[in-house]
Amino acid sequence: MAAWETVIGLEIHAQLATKSKIFSAASTAFGSEPNTQACAVDLGFPGVLPVLNAEVVNMAIKFGVAIDAKITPVSVFARKNYFYPDLPKGYQISQFELPIVGQGDLSISLEDGQSKIVGVTRAHLEEDAGKSLHEEFTDQTGIDLNRAGTPLLEIVSEPDMRSAKEAVAYARKIHTLVQYLEICDGNMQEGSFRCDANVSVRPMGEEKLGTRAEIKNINSFRFLERAINFEVERQIDLIEDGGKVAQETRLYDSDKDETRSMRSKEEANDYRYFPDPDLLPVAVTDDDIERIRASLPELPEQKRQRYISDLGLSDYNAELLTGSRDIADYFEQALAKAPTLSSQIANWILGNLTGALNKADLDIKDSPISAVMLIELIDRIADNTISGKIAKQVFDAMWQGEGSADAIIEAQGLKQITDSGAIEAIIDEVIAANPDQVEQFRAGKEKVLGFFVGQIMKQSKGKANPGKVNQLLRDKLK
């Protein structure tokens, strides 16, 4: 594979977080009974006219400003004509020659710590189609038109990515950004954020692009990586065996971990695009752009830099904390309660809390331990009420719903022993019981100190203050 170069471009469909559809007042709520949220406009009944939802325009501009893209002063909606059972009008309203967002770029972080700029070709507004349902029917296909007319922002990248991991890093960056901007909830399981991957290969050093295959509707980052890797290997094997890659649309089957052909890939002229006669061009003024620019929240990159420069966090921790809007919000809530404990908060969130969430397959917004509860626990470590080791025991009890840190510490008698007299009594007992190890320490074997500390902590049931144990133990042994 070293003789081949992979070329990848992504088309990301982000469902815009409006309550109603792009051209009608029908609801966009997820999970309703099939065909209960498709009105006459969505279904293209005779005599109805689409009316543009102004909020989708604001959201598109917000995205464009965030990636420093060109905002088109006058954009136009077009009809993309094709025939499919879940497309009730026989055409999709989209944008073609004049999209609302033009060229921009995005910086992604690579595994080796380097960064790379990926170009964004355009981002345009369009309506979603319905959904074909195959699993629930035998020898038939069900059609649910609830999604028909749902607003989408299609974000098209340049073919700048050279590996599946780069493509995943770019998709994750877009995913994070649209959530920070609050223009998309990013829920991939519900179809709010999905990717099409255009994949081709070419001999290393070749300038001309190879024939691409488009892998449609990938709804997880793990599947995106696996689908691209399979497709790259398939194309290389095909070419090396004397065959040719067909320009086609393919589907990724996660159960079989393979892509398979769906249909030949259409070109733009196959869709017979023409301006939609029912919709006026969308005019955007400089004042509109500046108003929206002023409303932008702190973006992930700005937040990451602040965490590094102002809070002294490592690049790695800052990257992880800002990689999700929900994680960043949780960190900020905790930080507001204890501004001087930023490193400790970051370590607990990225360590114990993330581990527990992953094990339980929960998002941080569904965590049974709130940011306020976590800070109470960290405060008890900071004021020497409990040791770091005991804190993990308290954390587990909090996770199981046994109450706050203070309540658990009190109920289970976990307060740290800080009284010097009490600690000295335990040390004296341990030293008296282990004369051989005392002689080894006095002969210069420093490692024996760890044995004594372990025995003392065991005898105190982990409650003795480790700092005081070490200080008093050394004095006694000498």
Protein backbone atom coordinates (compact mmCIF):
# COMPACT_ATOMS: atom_id res chain seq x y z
CA MET A 1 0.00 0.00 0.00
CA ALA A 2 3.02 2.27 0.34
CA ALA A 3 2.99 2.72 -3.45
CA TRP A 4 -0.48 4.26 -3.30
CA GLU A 5 -1.86 7.53 -2.01
CA THR A 6 -5.37 7.78 -0.61
CA VAL A 7 -7.48 10.85 -1.41
CA ILE A 8 -10.59 11.54 0.68
CA GLY A 9 -13.24 14.24 0.68
CA LEU A 10 -16.24 14.31 3.00
CA GLU A 11 -19.78 15.56 2.59
CA ILE A 12 -21.29 16.05 6.04
CA HIS A 13 -25.02 16.49 6.53
CA ALA A 14 -25.78 18.38 9.74
CA GLN A 15 -29.47 18.59 10.65
CA LEU A 16 -30.13 22.15 11.77
CA ALA A 17 -31.64 22.48 15.24
CA THR A 18 -34.87 24.24 14.30
CA LYS A 19 -38.25 23.23 15.69
CA SER A 20 -39.92 23.40 12.28
CA LYS A 21 -38.84 22.36 8.81
CA ILE A 22 -36.96 24.40 6.25
CA PHE A 23 -39.97 25.30 4.08
CA SER A 24 -42.98 24.45 6.27
CA ALA A 25 -44.27 24.68 9.83
CA ALA A 26 -44.23 20.87 10.34
CA SER A 27 -42.31 19.66 13.39
CA THR A 28 -38.77 18.26 13.22
CA ALA A 29 -39.10 16.33 16.52
CA PHE A 30 -37.54 12.87 16.44
CA GLY A 31 -39.35 9.62 17.21
CA SER A 32 -42.93 10.32 16.16
CA GLU A 33 -45.12 7.72 14.48
CA PRO A 34 -44.29 7.35 10.76
CA ASN A 35 -45.87 9.89 8.44
CA THR A 36 -47.38 12.04 11.18
CA GLN A 37 -45.06 15.03 10.65
CA ALA A 38 -45.25 15.56 6.91
CA CYS A 39 -47.58 18.34 5.83
CA ALA A 40 -48.89 19.27 2.38
CA VAL A 41 -45.82 21.45 1.66
CA ASP A 42 -43.41 18.62 2.51
CA LEU A 43 -45.38 16.24 0.30
CA GLY A 44 -45.51 18.66 -2.64
CA PHE A 45 -49.29 18.76 -2.96
CA PRO A 46 -50.64 20.92 -5.83
CA GLY A 47 -51.11 24.58 -4.97
CA VAL A 48 -48.80 24.72 -1.95
CA LEU A 49 -45.80 27.05 -1.76
CA PRO A 50 -42.62 26.71 0.32
CA VAL A 51 -41.73 29.51 2.76
CA LEU A 52 -38.09 29.70 3.89
CA ASN A 53 -37.44 29.32 7.62
CA ALA A 54 -35.27 32.39 8.42
CA GLU A 55 -33.50 30.62 11.29
CA VAL A 56 -31.81 28.13 8.96
CA VAL A 57 -30.20 31.07 7.16
CA ASN A 58 -28.85 32.46 10.45
CA MET A 59 -27.47 29.04 11.39
CA ALA A 60 -25.74 28.58 8.05
CA ILE A 61 -24.13 32.02 8.32
CA LYS A 62 -23.04 31.25 11.88
CA PHE A 63 -21.20 28.15 10.63
CA GLY A 64 -19.63 30.08 7.76
CA VAL A 65 -18.36 32.85 10.03
CA ALA A 66 -16.94 30.28 12.48
CA ILE A 67 -14.73 28.72 9.76
CA ASP A 68 -13.83 32.13 8.31
CA ALA A 69 -15.61 31.30 5.05
CA LYS A 70 -16.99 33.60 2.39
CA ILE A 71 -20.69 34.31 2.86
CA THR A 72 -22.49 34.63 -0.47
CA PRO A 73 -24.36 37.97 -0.67
CA VAL A 74 -27.14 36.45 -2.79
CA SER A 75 -27.65 32.67 -2.70
CA VAL A 76 -30.20 30.71 -4.70
CA PHE A 77 -32.27 27.59 -4.08
CA ALA A 78 -32.47 25.07 -6.89
CA ARG A 79 -34.42 21.93 -7.68
CA LYS A 80 -32.33 18.74 -7.78
CA ASN A 81 -34.40 16.33 -9.84
CA TYR A 82 -34.36 12.59 -9.20
CA PHE A 83 -36.93 9.90 -8.56
CA TYR A 84 -36.85 7.78 -5.44
CA PRO A 85 -39.71 6.43 -3.29
CA ASP A 86 -38.83 8.58 -0.25
CA LEU A 87 -38.67 11.83 -2.27
CA PRO A 88 -42.34 12.80 -2.51
CA LYS A 89 -42.01 15.80 -4.84
CA GLY A 90 -39.72 14.08 -7.37
CA TYR A 91 -37.09 16.74 -6.63
CA GLN A 92 -35.12 18.00 -3.64
CA ILE A 93 -34.80 21.71 -2.92
CA SER A 94 -31.08 22.39 -2.47
CA GLN A 95 -28.46 24.98 -3.45
CA PHE A 96 -26.14 24.43 -6.38
CA GLU A 97 -24.27 27.20 -8.16
CA LEU A 98 -24.76 29.85 -5.45
CA PRO A 99 -24.52 28.23 -1.99
CA ILE A 100 -24.90 30.43 1.08
CA VAL A 101 -21.41 29.55 2.44
CA GLY A 102 -18.38 29.55 0.17
CA GLN A 103 -14.77 28.55 0.72
CA GLY A 104 -13.34 28.28 4.23
CA ASP A 105 -10.95 26.02 6.12
CA LEU A 106 -10.57 24.05 9.31
CA SER A 107 -7.50 23.03 11.29
CA ILE A 108 -7.41 19.43 12.53
CA SER A 109 -5.04 17.78 15.02
CA LEU A 110 -3.22 14.65 13.86
CA GLU A 111 -2.08 11.68 15.95
CA ASP A 112 1.58 12.80 15.87
CA GLY A 113 0.65 16.15 17.43
CA GLN A 114 0.90 18.07 14.17
CA SER A 115 -1.96 20.10 12.73
CA LYS A 116 -3.30 20.16 9.19
CA ILE A 117 -5.56 22.56 7.32
CA VAL A 118 -8.50 20.98 5.48
CA GLY A 119 -10.31 23.15 2.98
CA VAL A 120 -14.09 23.52 3.05
CA THR A 121 -15.37 23.93 -0.50
CA ARG A 122 -18.87 25.09 0.42
CA ALA A 123 -21.77 24.61 2.82
CA HIS A 124 -25.25 24.79 1.39
CA LEU A 125 -28.80 24.54 2.68
CA GLU A 126 -31.18 21.83 1.55
CA GLU A 127 -34.17 19.77 2.63
CA ASP A 128 -33.87 16.15 3.71
CA ALA A 129 -35.71 13.33 2.00
CA GLY A 130 -37.89 10.77 3.75
CA LYS A 131 -36.65 7.38 4.89
CA SER A 132 -37.03 3.94 3.31
CA LEU A 133 -37.62 1.17 5.86
CA HIS A 134 -36.57 -2.34 4.90
CA GLU A 135 -36.14 -4.27 8.16
CA GLU A 136 -39.78 -4.32 9.27
CA PHE A 137 -41.24 -5.59 5.99
CA THR A 138 -40.91 -8.81 4.00
CA ASP A 139 -40.40 -8.30 0.25
CA GLN A 140 -41.63 -4.72 0.68
CA THR A 141 -40.26 -1.30 1.56
CA GLY A 142 -41.96 1.05 3.99
CA ILE A 143 -41.75 4.80 3.50
CA ASP A 144 -41.65 7.26 6.42
CA LEU A 145 -41.87 10.86 5.26
CA ASN A 146 -41.45 12.50 8.68
CA ARG A 147 -37.92 13.62 7.75
CA ALA A 148 -39.00 15.07 4.39
CA GLY A 149 -38.29 18.80 4.51
CA THR A 150 -36.05 18.66 7.59
CA PRO A 151 -33.37 21.39 7.24
CA LEU A 152 -29.82 20.24 6.48
CA LEU A 153 -26.54 22.06 6.12
CA GLU A 154 -24.38 20.03 3.75
CA ILE A 155 -20.70 20.77 4.40
CA VAL A 156 -18.44 19.73 1.52
CA SER A 157 -14.70 19.43 2.06
CA GLU A 158 -11.85 19.64 -0.40
CA PRO A 159 -10.20 16.25 -1.16
CA ASP A 160 -7.43 17.15 1.31
CA MET A 161 -7.44 14.11 3.59
CA ARG A 162 -4.95 11.30 3.04
CA SER A 163 -6.04 8.65 5.54
CA ALA A 164 -9.12 7.37 7.34
CA LYS A 165 -7.78 8.78 10.60
CA GLU A 166 -7.49 12.27 9.07
CA ALA A 167 -11.06 11.97 7.80
CA VAL A 168 -12.29 10.99 11.26
CA ALA A 169 -10.36 13.89 12.85
CA TYR A 170 -12.00 16.32 10.40
CA ALA A 171 -15.49 14.84 10.94
CA ARG A 172 -15.04 15.04 14.71
CA LYS A 173 -13.93 18.67 14.42
CA ILE A 174 -17.04 19.58 12.41
CA HIS A 175 -19.18 17.58 14.86
CA THR A 176 -17.75 19.51 17.80
CA LEU A 177 -18.07 22.87 16.05
CA VAL A 178 -21.76 22.55 15.11
CA GLN A 179 -22.56 21.58 18.71
CA TYR A 180 -20.63 24.56 20.12
CA LEU A 181 -22.53 26.81 17.71
CA GLU A 182 -25.79 25.15 18.84
CA ILE A 183 -26.91 24.71 15.23
CA CYS A 184 -27.00 20.88 15.37
CA ASP A 185 -27.35 18.44 18.27
CA GLY A 186 -24.85 16.07 16.62
CA ASN A 187 -26.89 12.95 17.46
CA MET A 188 -25.53 10.38 15.01
CA GLN A 189 -27.85 7.58 16.18
CA GLU A 190 -30.88 9.69 15.24
CA GLY A 191 -29.37 10.76 11.92
CA SER A 192 -28.77 14.39 12.90
CA PHE A 193 -25.14 14.15 11.77
CA ARG A 194 -24.06 11.80 9.01
CA CYS A 195 -21.25 11.56 6.47
CA ASP A 196 -20.70 10.60 2.86
CA ALA A 197 -17.07 9.75 2.06
CA ASN A 198 -15.61 10.21 -1.43
CA VAL A 199 -12.63 7.85 -1.65
CA SER A 200 -10.07 7.32 -4.41
CA VAL A 201 -6.49 6.10 -4.73
CA ARG A 202 -3.65 7.07 -7.04
CA PRO A 203 0.00 6.04 -7.46
CA MET A 204 2.24 7.91 -5.03
CA GLY A 205 3.49 11.10 -6.67
CA GLU A 206 0.68 11.19 -9.25
CA GLU A 207 -1.13 14.54 -9.56
CA LYS A 208 -4.25 13.35 -11.36
CA LEU A 209 -7.04 12.14 -9.08
CA GLY A 210 -8.19 8.55 -9.33
CA THR A 211 -11.79 7.47 -9.93
CA ARG A 212 -13.76 7.96 -6.74
CA ALA A 213 -16.44 5.93 -5.05
CA GLU A 214 -18.88 7.60 -2.69
CA ILE A 215 -19.81 5.75 0.51
CA LYS A 216 -23.21 7.01 1.65
CA ASN A 217 -24.82 7.76 5.02
CA ILE A 218 -22.18 6.69 7.54
CA ASN A 219 -23.51 7.39 11.04
CA SER A 220 -20.54 6.77 13.38
CA PHE A 221 -16.89 7.77 13.47
CA ARG A 222 -15.84 4.15 13.98
CA PHE A 223 -17.78 3.05 10.90
CA LEU A 224 -16.35 5.99 8.92
CA GLU A 225 -12.80 4.82 9.61
CA ARG A 226 -13.59 1.17 8.87
CA ALA A 227 -15.53 1.96 5.68
CA ILE A 228 -12.72 4.12 4.26
CA ASN A 229 -10.03 1.56 5.12
CA PHE A 230 -12.02 -1.24 3.46
CA GLU A 231 -12.71 0.88 0.37
CA VAL A 232 -9.05 1.89 -0.02
CA GLU A 233 -7.94 -1.74 0.14
CA ARG A 234 -10.69 -2.79 -2.29
CA GLN A 235 -9.68 -0.19 -4.85
CA ILE A 236 -5.95 -0.99 -4.62
CA ASP A 237 -6.59 -4.73 -4.98
CA LEU A 238 -8.89 -4.08 -7.94
CA ILE A 239 -6.35 -1.92 -9.79
CA GLU A 240 -3.40 -4.21 -9.04
CA ASP A 241 -5.41 -7.14 -10.42
CA GLY A 242 -5.84 -5.28 -13.71
CA GLY A 243 -9.34 -3.95 -13.09
CA LYS A 244 -10.76 -0.41 -13.01
CA VAL A 245 -12.56 1.43 -10.23
CA ALA A 246 -16.13 2.33 -11.22
CA GLN A 247 -17.50 5.73 -10.28
CA GLU A 248 -20.40 4.65 -8.12
CA THR A 249 -22.30 5.08 -4.89
CA ARG A 250 -21.59 2.39 -2.30
CA LEU A 251 -23.11 1.42 1.04
CA TYR A 252 -21.10 0.36 4.09
CA ASP A 253 -22.35 -2.84 5.75
CA SER A 254 -21.11 -2.68 9.37
CA ASP A 255 -22.08 -6.31 10.06
CA LYS A 256 -19.88 -7.62 7.25
CA ASP A 257 -17.36 -4.75 7.49
CA GLU A 258 -17.46 -4.14 3.75
CA THR A 259 -18.79 -1.69 1.18
CA ARG A 260 -21.09 -2.82 -1.60
CA SER A 261 -22.38 -1.18 -4.75
CA MET A 262 -25.71 0.67 -4.66
CA ARG A 263 -25.88 2.46 -8.01
CA SER A 264 -23.73 4.26 -10.55
CA LYS A 265 -22.64 7.70 -9.39
CA GLU A 266 -24.54 10.58 -10.95
CA GLU A 267 -22.96 13.82 -12.10
CA ALA A 268 -24.47 17.25 -11.49
CA ASN A 269 -26.01 17.39 -14.97
CA ASP A 270 -27.88 14.14 -14.28
CA TYR A 271 -29.94 16.00 -11.69
CA ARG A 272 -31.02 18.76 -14.11
CA TYR A 273 -30.56 21.53 -11.53
CA PHE A 274 -32.50 24.74 -12.17
CA PRO A 275 -33.49 27.65 -9.85
CA ASP A 276 -36.64 26.91 -7.86
CA PRO A 277 -39.33 29.21 -9.25
CA ASP A 278 -41.22 29.24 -5.93
CA LEU A 279 -38.37 30.67 -3.84
CA LEU A 280 -36.74 34.08 -3.98
CA PRO A 281 -32.95 34.45 -3.80
CA VAL A 282 -31.59 34.86 -0.24
CA ALA A 283 -29.93 38.24 0.30
CA VAL A 284 -27.40 38.56 3.14
CA THR A 285 -26.05 41.97 4.16
CA ASP A 286 -22.79 42.86 5.90
CA ASP A 287 -24.86 43.93 8.90
CA ASP A 288 -26.41 40.45 9.05
CA ILE A 289 -22.97 38.85 9.04
CA GLU A 290 -21.57 41.14 11.74
CA ARG A 291 -24.64 40.66 13.94
CA ILE A 292 -24.20 36.90 13.76
CA ARG A 293 -20.43 37.15 14.25
CA ALA A 294 -21.01 39.10 17.47
CA SER A 295 -23.28 36.31 18.75
CA LEU A 296 -20.70 33.54 18.37
CA PRO A 297 -19.77 31.66 21.55
CA GLU A 298 -16.19 30.89 22.51
CA LEU A 299 -15.18 28.35 19.86
CA PRO A 300 -13.30 25.10 20.59
CA GLU A 301 -9.89 26.36 19.44
CA GLN A 302 -10.22 29.58 21.45
CA LYS A 303 -11.28 27.59 24.51
CA ARG A 304 -8.37 25.15 24.08
CA GLN A 305 -5.85 27.99 23.92
CA ARG A 306 -7.37 29.60 27.02
CA TYR A 307 -7.13 26.36 28.97
CA ILE A 308 -3.45 26.09 28.07
CA SER A 309 -2.42 29.71 28.59
CA ASP A 310 -4.68 30.74 31.51
CA LEU A 311 -5.18 27.48 33.37
CA GLY A 312 -1.85 25.81 32.67
CA LEU A 313 -3.40 22.60 31.34
CA SER A 314 -1.42 20.35 29.00
CA ASP A 315 -2.11 20.47 25.26
CA TYR A 316 -3.43 16.91 25.48
CA ASN A 317 -5.88 17.58 28.32
CA ALA A 318 -7.04 20.85 26.78
CA GLU A 319 -7.72 19.05 23.48
CA LEU A 320 -9.78 16.34 25.21
CA LEU A 321 -11.77 18.78 27.34
CA THR A 322 -12.74 20.94 24.37
CA GLY A 323 -13.42 18.01 22.02
CA SER A 324 -17.03 17.91 23.22
CA ARG A 325 -19.31 20.81 24.10
CA ASP A 326 -20.88 18.76 26.92
CA ILE A 327 -17.48 17.88 28.47
CA ALA A 328 -16.31 21.49 28.22
CA ASP A 329 -19.54 22.71 29.86
CA TYR A 330 -19.13 20.17 32.69
CA PHE A 331 -15.53 21.30 33.23
CA GLU A 332 -16.58 24.97 33.26
CA GLN A 333 -19.31 24.29 35.84
CA ALA A 334 -16.81 22.57 38.12
CA LEU A 335 -14.17 25.23 37.56
CA ALA A 336 -16.61 27.99 38.55
CA LYS A 337 -16.85 26.36 42.01
CA ALA A 338 -13.08 25.86 42.44
CA PRO A 339 -11.04 28.11 40.10
CA THR A 340 -7.70 27.11 41.64
CA LEU A 341 -8.16 23.36 41.12
CA SER A 342 -8.23 23.24 37.31
CA SER A 343 -5.63 20.47 36.94
CA GLN A 344 -7.28 18.26 39.55
CA ILE A 345 -10.71 18.78 37.94
CA ALA A 346 -9.34 17.95 34.48
CA ASN A 347 -7.66 14.79 35.76
CA TRP A 348 -10.82 13.53 37.49
CA ILE A 349 -13.03 14.26 34.47
CA LEU A 350 -10.66 12.68 31.96
CA GLY A 351 -9.76 9.79 34.27
CA ASN A 352 -12.29 8.30 36.66
CA LEU A 353 -15.39 10.03 35.32
CA THR A 354 -14.72 9.32 31.63
CA GLY A 355 -13.84 5.72 32.48
CA ALA A 356 -17.10 5.22 34.38
CA LEU A 357 -19.12 6.89 31.60
CA ASN A 358 -17.55 4.72 28.91
CA LYS A 359 -18.14 1.57 30.93
CA ALA A 360 -21.81 2.48 31.43
CA ASP A 361 -22.13 3.76 27.83
CA LEU A 362 -23.38 7.14 29.07
CA ASP A 363 -22.87 10.70 27.85
CA ILE A 364 -21.47 13.16 30.38
CA LYS A 365 -24.76 15.09 30.42
CA ASP A 366 -26.36 11.90 31.80
CA SER A 367 -23.68 11.38 34.47
CA PRO A 368 -25.05 10.42 37.91
CA ILE A 369 -22.25 12.58 39.38
CA SER A 370 -22.83 16.25 38.62
CA ALA A 371 -20.05 18.83 38.32
CA VAL A 372 -20.99 20.24 41.75
CA MET A 373 -20.80 16.77 43.32
CA LEU A 374 -17.39 16.12 41.76
CA ILE A 375 -16.04 19.40 43.11
CA GLU A 376 -17.17 18.49 46.62
CA LEU A 377 -15.13 15.29 46.33
CA ILE A 378 -12.05 17.12 44.98
CA ASP A 379 -12.37 19.69 47.80
CA ARG A 380 -12.24 16.88 50.39
CA ILE A 381 -8.93 15.73 48.87
CA ALA A 382 -7.57 19.27 48.78
CA ASP A 383 -8.38 19.93 52.46
CA ASN A 384 -6.94 16.53 53.52
CA THR A 385 -10.27 15.16 54.71
CA ILE A 386 -9.61 12.06 52.58
CA SER A 387 -6.67 10.68 50.63
CA GLY A 388 -6.61 10.24 46.85
CA LYS A 389 -6.99 6.48 47.31
CA ILE A 390 -10.04 6.81 49.55
CA ALA A 391 -11.45 9.37 47.10
CA LYS A 392 -11.76 6.63 44.46
CA GLN A 393 -13.80 4.59 46.92
CA VAL A 394 -16.03 7.61 47.59
CA PHE A 395 -16.37 8.24 43.83
CA ASP A 396 -17.62 4.67 43.29
CA ALA A 397 -20.20 5.12 46.05
CA MET A 398 -21.34 8.42 44.54
CA TRP A 399 -21.67 6.72 41.14
CA GLN A 400 -23.92 4.08 42.73
CA GLY A 401 -26.17 6.84 44.05
CA GLU A 402 -25.24 6.58 47.73
CA GLY A 403 -25.22 10.36 48.21
CA SER A 404 -22.79 13.29 48.23
CA ALA A 405 -19.09 12.98 49.02
CA ASP A 406 -19.55 14.45 52.52
CA ALA A 407 -22.45 12.13 53.30
CA ILE A 408 -20.52 9.04 52.17
CA ILE A 409 -17.36 10.04 54.05
CA GLU A 410 -19.37 10.54 57.22
CA ALA A 411 -21.50 7.40 56.88
CA GLN A 412 -18.53 5.13 56.14
CA GLY A 413 -16.08 6.76 58.55
CA LEU A 414 -13.55 7.52 55.83
CA LYS A 415 -12.02 10.72 57.24
CA GLN A 416 -8.27 10.78 56.94
CA ILE A 417 -6.16 10.37 60.10
CA THR A 418 -4.05 13.51 60.38
CA ASP A 419 -3.32 13.44 64.10
CA SER A 420 0.45 12.94 64.48
CA GLY A 421 0.08 11.00 67.72
CA ALA A 422 -2.29 8.46 66.19
CA ILE A 423 -0.08 7.99 63.13
CA GLU A 424 3.05 7.62 65.31
CA ALA A 425 1.36 4.86 67.31
CA ILE A 426 0.70 2.88 64.11
CA ILE A 427 4.27 3.49 62.87
CA ASP A 428 5.72 2.25 66.17
CA GLU A 429 3.70 -0.97 65.90
CA VAL A 430 4.82 -1.63 62.32
CA ILE A 431 8.50 -0.90 63.08
CA ALA A 432 8.42 -3.17 66.14
CA ALA A 433 6.92 -5.99 64.08
CA ASN A 434 9.52 -5.80 61.30
CA PRO A 435 13.08 -5.54 62.75
CA ASP A 436 14.73 -7.13 59.69
CA GLN A 437 13.33 -4.49 57.34
CA VAL A 438 14.44 -1.76 59.79
CA GLU A 439 18.02 -3.02 59.54
CA GLN A 440 17.81 -3.18 55.73
CA PHE A 441 16.65 0.44 55.58
CA ARG A 442 19.42 1.59 57.91
CA ALA A 443 21.89 -0.31 55.71
CA GLY A 444 20.90 1.91 52.79
CA LYS A 445 18.02 0.01 51.13
CA GLU A 446 15.65 2.93 50.51
CA LYS A 447 13.14 0.72 48.69
CA VAL A 448 12.17 -0.85 52.03
CA LEU A 449 10.44 2.43 52.86
CA GLY A 450 7.62 1.45 50.48
CA PHE A 451 7.07 -1.75 52.44
CA PHE A 452 6.63 0.19 55.67
CA VAL A 453 4.27 2.71 54.08
CA GLY A 454 2.16 -0.15 52.70
CA GLN A 455 1.93 -1.82 56.10
CA ILE A 456 1.00 1.44 57.82
CA MET A 457 -1.69 2.27 55.26
CA LYS A 458 -3.04 -1.27 55.56
CA GLN A 459 -3.24 -1.05 59.33
CA SER A 460 -4.94 2.37 59.15
CA LYS A 461 -7.35 1.04 56.47
CA GLY A 462 -6.01 3.64 54.06
CA LYS A 463 -6.99 6.56 56.30
CA ALA A 464 -3.54 7.75 57.42
CA ASN A 465 -2.37 10.93 55.73
CA PRO A 466 0.33 9.73 53.27
CA GLY A 467 2.42 12.91 53.59
CA LYS A 468 2.56 12.69 57.38
CA VAL A 469 3.22 8.94 57.23
CA ASN A 470 6.31 9.45 55.07
CA GLN A 471 7.65 12.32 57.19
CA LEU A 472 7.14 10.62 60.57
CA LEU A 473 8.30 7.22 59.30
CA ARG A 474 11.64 8.56 58.08
CA ASP A 475 12.21 10.32 61.41
CA LYS A 476 11.43 7.12 63.35
CA LEU A 477 13.62 4.87 61.17
CA LYS A 478 16.58 7.18 61.46
